[in-house]
Amino acid sequence: MPFYSLLDPPINSFKGQIISVIGGGGKSSLLKKIGQELVKLNLKVILTTTTKIEPFPNTAVVLLQGRGEDIREELTYMLDELKIIMVAKKRYHGNKLVGVNPEVVQKFKKYANIVLVEADGARQRPFKTHMPHEPVIPAATDKVIIVIGSEIVHKPLNDETVHRADLFAKKWNMELEAKLTRKIIAKELLSTAGYIGKIPLTSNVAIFINKTDLNLDRAKSLAEYLMKKCDYPIFLGSIKNNSIVQVNPHQTTERFDLV
């Protein structure tokens, strides 16, 4: 199964779809993977962010700061030639890219079949909770993909496992180093006080449990629990191992094959 299965089909009919990725556990890697797959389908892809992101190797970057109307011609030309580009506002601290305002993202729709947006930051942690201003999801987003690292299940709540662990503990009345159970993870993901409350009402949602290569059993267990709590499509996989499957509500987790 390709990683673009996280998007809503039919893929080849996409024109100006905006896909925003939030959470932790491999957002940038997922965007890169989906983008590479879509290019092979001869689709034009813009990769961008509303926060900050490292530029992807071997991917052209277009910076918007200080540019005028000529930027339109450049975007059109580069997408015609390369099929996939990164677009950012400017560079920051050397090579890192500063994202664009969420309102600007909608303007990219006229140039690309799909606009892939990293709309969140997690400091390389597998899970996070959000400040009031986060995540920065463009209002025109067609689909939001929530990413979580499977290794988080049953791990202690601390700064190594959760970005903004103190805030997470306060929100859910927990102590630091308490176990991150499936129940508390589901509360953060699915309640209006957590991720779902941050997502535009017009956006579709999918959940991707990444890093099954680290702990497949915990990933299966979390997927099984989430299936009982929501109707969103749930996927398990490992970007590192190039594997992904969609959880079928009519299957048990014992039948998942991620080899």
Protein backbone atom coordinates (compact mmCIF):
# COMPACT_ATOMS: atom_id res chain seq x y z
CA MET A 1 0.00 0.00 0.00
CA PRO A 2 1.44 3.44 -0.91
CA PHE A 3 1.64 6.18 1.68
CA TYR A 4 -0.58 8.40 -0.44
CA SER A 5 -3.38 6.05 0.65
CA LEU A 6 -3.63 8.41 3.63
CA LEU A 7 -5.21 10.91 1.24
CA ASP A 8 -8.76 10.75 -0.07
CA PRO A 9 -9.04 9.04 -3.48
CA PRO A 10 -9.14 9.29 -6.40
CA ILE A 11 -5.62 10.72 -6.30
CA ASN A 12 -5.33 11.37 -10.04
CA SER A 13 -8.31 13.74 -9.95
CA PHE A 14 -6.73 16.02 -7.36
CA LYS A 15 -6.55 19.68 -8.25
CA GLY A 16 -5.41 22.03 -5.54
CA GLN A 17 -5.91 19.71 -2.56
CA ILE A 18 -4.36 20.95 0.70
CA ILE A 19 -3.15 18.27 3.12
CA SER A 20 -1.88 19.34 6.55
CA VAL A 21 0.14 17.06 8.83
CA ILE A 22 0.23 17.57 12.60
CA GLY A 23 1.46 15.74 15.70
CA GLY A 24 4.83 14.04 16.12
CA GLY A 25 6.58 10.86 15.13
CA GLY A 26 7.81 11.65 11.61
CA LYS A 27 5.79 14.42 9.96
CA SER A 28 8.58 15.63 7.69
CA SER A 29 9.50 12.12 6.61
CA LEU A 30 5.86 11.39 5.84
CA LEU A 31 5.50 14.51 3.72
CA LYS A 32 8.63 13.64 1.79
CA LYS A 33 7.47 10.06 1.24
CA ILE A 34 4.00 11.07 0.01
CA GLY A 35 5.47 13.76 -2.22
CA GLN A 36 7.87 11.32 -3.86
CA GLU A 37 5.05 8.87 -4.53
CA LEU A 38 2.79 11.52 -6.07
CA VAL A 39 5.51 12.72 -8.43
CA LYS A 40 5.71 9.19 -9.84
CA LEU A 41 2.02 9.58 -10.71
CA ASN A 42 2.96 12.70 -12.70
CA LEU A 43 1.29 15.04 -10.21
CA LYS A 44 2.61 18.48 -9.30
CA VAL A 45 3.39 18.83 -5.60
CA ILE A 46 4.23 21.81 -3.39
CA LEU A 47 5.79 21.02 -0.01
CA THR A 48 5.52 23.81 2.52
CA THR A 49 5.16 24.59 6.21
CA THR A 50 3.40 27.05 8.47
CA THR A 51 6.08 26.57 11.16
CA LYS A 52 9.71 25.68 10.40
CA ILE A 53 11.25 22.80 8.49
CA GLU A 54 14.60 21.50 7.28
CA PRO A 55 14.91 21.53 3.48
CA PHE A 56 14.61 18.11 1.88
CA PRO A 57 17.67 16.77 0.02
CA ASN A 58 17.53 17.07 -3.76
CA THR A 59 14.38 19.20 -3.64
CA ALA A 60 14.37 22.73 -5.07
CA VAL A 61 13.39 25.54 -2.69
CA VAL A 62 11.51 28.71 -3.61
CA LEU A 63 11.66 31.59 -1.11
CA LEU A 64 8.82 34.13 -1.13
CA GLN A 65 10.29 36.98 0.92
CA GLY A 66 10.95 40.05 -1.19
CA ARG A 67 9.45 38.54 -4.32
CA GLY A 68 6.89 40.21 -6.56
CA GLU A 69 4.59 39.03 -9.32
CA ASP A 70 7.45 37.12 -10.96
CA ILE A 71 7.03 34.42 -8.31
CA ARG A 72 3.98 33.15 -10.15
CA GLU A 73 5.97 32.47 -13.29
CA GLU A 74 8.72 30.78 -11.29
CA LEU A 75 6.32 28.48 -9.46
CA THR A 76 4.64 27.49 -12.71
CA TYR A 77 7.93 26.89 -14.50
CA MET A 78 9.57 24.91 -11.70
CA LEU A 79 6.56 22.66 -11.19
CA ASP A 80 6.34 22.01 -14.92
CA GLU A 81 10.02 21.04 -14.95
CA LEU A 82 10.53 19.36 -11.57
CA LYS A 83 7.00 18.30 -10.48
CA ILE A 84 7.89 18.83 -6.80
CA ILE A 85 9.29 21.89 -4.97
CA MET A 86 9.49 23.30 -1.46
CA VAL A 87 8.08 26.78 -0.82
CA ALA A 88 8.95 28.83 2.27
CA LYS A 89 9.10 32.44 3.39
CA LYS A 90 12.85 32.64 4.06
CA ARG A 91 15.84 30.82 5.51
CA TYR A 92 16.47 30.89 9.25
CA HIS A 93 19.65 30.18 11.25
CA GLY A 94 21.57 28.98 8.25
CA ASN A 95 19.59 26.49 6.24
CA LYS A 96 16.31 25.96 8.09
CA LEU A 97 13.20 27.21 6.32
CA VAL A 98 10.65 29.54 7.88
CA GLY A 99 7.10 28.76 6.86
CA VAL A 100 4.47 30.86 5.17
CA ASN A 101 1.34 32.35 6.69
CA PRO A 102 -1.57 29.89 6.60
CA GLU A 103 -3.57 32.30 4.42
CA VAL A 104 -0.84 32.14 1.77
CA VAL A 105 -1.09 28.36 1.44
CA GLN A 106 -4.46 28.60 -0.29
CA LYS A 107 -2.83 30.59 -3.11
CA PHE A 108 -0.61 27.59 -3.95
CA LYS A 109 -3.65 25.56 -5.02
CA LYS A 110 -3.68 27.12 -8.49
CA TYR A 111 -0.18 25.82 -9.24
CA ALA A 112 -0.14 22.27 -7.86
CA ASN A 113 -2.34 19.20 -7.75
CA ILE A 114 -1.53 18.75 -4.08
CA VAL A 115 -0.09 21.07 -1.43
CA LEU A 116 1.48 19.17 1.48
CA VAL A 117 1.81 21.27 4.64
CA GLU A 118 3.78 20.57 7.80
CA ALA A 119 1.50 22.49 10.17
CA ASP A 120 3.03 21.56 13.52
CA GLY A 121 6.32 21.10 15.34
CA ALA A 122 7.23 18.51 17.97
CA ARG A 123 10.98 18.89 18.58
CA GLN A 124 11.60 15.34 17.31
CA ARG A 125 9.30 13.86 19.96
CA PRO A 126 6.83 11.07 19.11
CA PHE A 127 3.89 12.89 20.73
CA LYS A 128 2.92 16.40 21.77
CA THR A 129 0.22 18.62 23.16
CA HIS A 130 -0.53 22.06 21.78
CA MET A 131 -0.27 25.63 22.94
CA PRO A 132 -3.31 27.83 22.16
CA HIS A 133 -1.73 29.07 18.91
CA GLU A 134 -0.92 25.56 17.67
CA PRO A 135 -1.12 23.78 15.31
CA VAL A 136 -1.09 26.28 12.44
CA ILE A 137 -3.54 24.57 10.08
CA PRO A 138 -4.63 26.53 6.99
CA ALA A 139 -8.41 27.03 7.05
CA ALA A 140 -8.68 25.68 3.49
CA THR A 141 -7.15 22.32 4.44
CA ASP A 142 -8.99 19.42 2.82
CA LYS A 143 -7.51 16.74 5.06
CA VAL A 144 -5.51 16.65 8.28
CA ILE A 145 -3.23 13.69 8.97
CA ILE A 146 -2.44 13.18 12.66
CA VAL A 147 0.90 11.44 13.22
CA ILE A 148 1.96 9.69 16.41
CA GLY A 149 4.95 7.48 17.17
CA SER A 150 3.94 4.00 18.34
CA GLU A 151 6.75 3.89 20.90
CA ILE A 152 4.83 6.33 23.09
CA VAL A 153 2.35 3.71 24.36
CA HIS A 154 2.95 2.84 28.05
CA LYS A 155 6.03 5.06 28.20
CA PRO A 156 6.43 7.60 31.05
CA LEU A 157 5.26 11.16 30.52
CA ASN A 158 8.36 13.34 30.34
CA ASP A 159 10.21 15.72 28.05
CA GLU A 160 11.75 12.84 26.10
CA THR A 161 8.41 11.31 25.15
CA VAL A 162 6.04 14.28 24.86
CA HIS A 163 6.73 17.76 23.57
CA ARG A 164 5.41 20.11 26.28
CA ALA A 165 5.11 17.37 28.86
CA ASP A 166 4.34 19.85 31.66
CA LEU A 167 1.40 21.25 29.72
CA PHE A 168 0.18 17.73 28.93
CA ALA A 169 0.32 16.78 32.62
CA LYS A 170 -1.60 19.89 33.66
CA LYS A 171 -4.24 19.43 30.97
CA TRP A 172 -5.02 15.83 31.91
CA ASN A 173 -4.37 16.09 35.67
CA MET A 174 -1.38 13.74 35.53
CA GLU A 175 1.98 13.55 37.26
CA LEU A 176 5.18 13.64 35.26
CA GLU A 177 6.57 10.12 34.74
CA ALA A 178 3.04 8.66 34.88
CA LYS A 179 2.35 5.99 32.27
CA LEU A 180 0.94 7.14 28.93
CA THR A 181 -1.96 4.73 28.61
CA ARG A 182 -4.03 4.17 25.49
CA LYS A 183 -6.90 5.97 27.22
CA ILE A 184 -4.99 9.18 27.88
CA ILE A 185 -3.43 9.14 24.40
CA ALA A 186 -6.91 8.77 22.90
CA LYS A 187 -8.17 11.69 24.99
CA GLU A 188 -5.46 13.94 23.61
CA LEU A 189 -6.02 12.79 20.04
CA LEU A 190 -9.80 12.61 19.89
CA SER A 191 -11.31 15.08 22.35
CA THR A 192 -12.21 18.68 21.59
CA ALA A 193 -9.73 19.66 24.32
CA GLY A 194 -7.02 17.97 22.24
CA TYR A 195 -6.19 17.57 18.58
CA ILE A 196 -9.71 17.32 17.16
CA GLY A 197 -10.66 20.64 18.69
CA LYS A 198 -7.85 22.28 16.70
CA ILE A 199 -8.88 20.95 13.29
CA PRO A 200 -11.16 22.94 10.93
CA LEU A 201 -14.68 21.50 10.86
CA THR A 202 -14.55 21.22 7.07
CA SER A 203 -11.37 19.09 7.07
CA ASN A 204 -11.34 15.31 6.84
CA VAL A 205 -9.12 13.47 9.32
CA ALA A 206 -6.87 10.40 9.23
CA ILE A 207 -4.58 9.00 11.95
CA PHE A 208 -1.19 7.48 11.18
CA ILE A 209 0.58 5.46 13.89
CA ASN A 210 4.21 5.49 12.79
CA LYS A 211 7.33 3.58 13.83
CA THR A 212 5.83 0.11 14.00
CA ASP A 213 9.40 -1.06 13.46
CA LEU A 214 10.08 -0.03 17.08
CA ASN A 215 7.05 -1.67 18.69
CA LEU A 216 4.44 -3.33 16.49
CA ASP A 217 2.47 -4.79 19.40
CA ARG A 218 1.97 -1.38 21.01
CA ALA A 219 0.98 0.13 17.67
CA LYS A 220 -1.63 -2.59 17.14
CA SER A 221 -2.94 -2.13 20.66
CA LEU A 222 -3.32 1.62 20.23
CA ALA A 223 -5.02 1.20 16.84
CA GLU A 224 -7.47 -1.29 18.31
CA TYR A 225 -8.35 1.12 21.12
CA LEU A 226 -8.76 4.11 18.80
CA MET A 227 -11.04 2.12 16.51
CA LYS A 228 -13.46 1.75 19.38
CA LYS A 229 -13.46 5.49 20.03
CA CYS A 230 -13.71 7.04 16.55
CA ASP A 231 -14.63 6.48 12.91
CA TYR A 232 -11.56 8.14 11.43
CA PRO A 233 -9.40 6.05 9.08
CA ILE A 234 -6.47 4.67 11.07
CA PHE A 235 -3.21 3.55 9.51
CA LEU A 236 -0.24 1.69 10.94
CA GLY A 237 3.19 1.73 9.43
CA SER A 238 6.87 2.48 9.38
CA ILE A 239 8.22 5.19 7.13
CA LYS A 240 11.69 3.82 7.80
CA ASN A 241 10.68 0.37 6.55
CA ASN A 242 8.45 1.72 3.78
CA SER A 243 5.35 -0.10 5.06
CA ILE A 244 1.80 1.04 5.76
CA VAL A 245 -1.58 -0.65 6.19
CA GLN A 246 -5.05 0.69 6.86
CA VAL A 247 -6.86 -0.67 9.86
CA ASN A 248 -10.11 -2.37 8.81
CA PRO A 249 -12.84 -2.23 11.48
CA HIS A 250 -13.89 -5.75 10.50
CA GLN A 251 -10.45 -7.19 11.15
CA THR A 252 -8.69 -7.92 14.42
CA THR A 253 -5.22 -6.54 14.96
CA GLU A 254 -3.89 -10.10 14.80
CA ARG A 255 -4.37 -10.04 11.02
CA PHE A 256 -2.22 -6.98 10.31
CA ASP A 257 0.80 -7.71 8.14
CA LEU A 258 3.58 -5.15 8.27
CA VAL A 259 6.48 -7.37 7.27
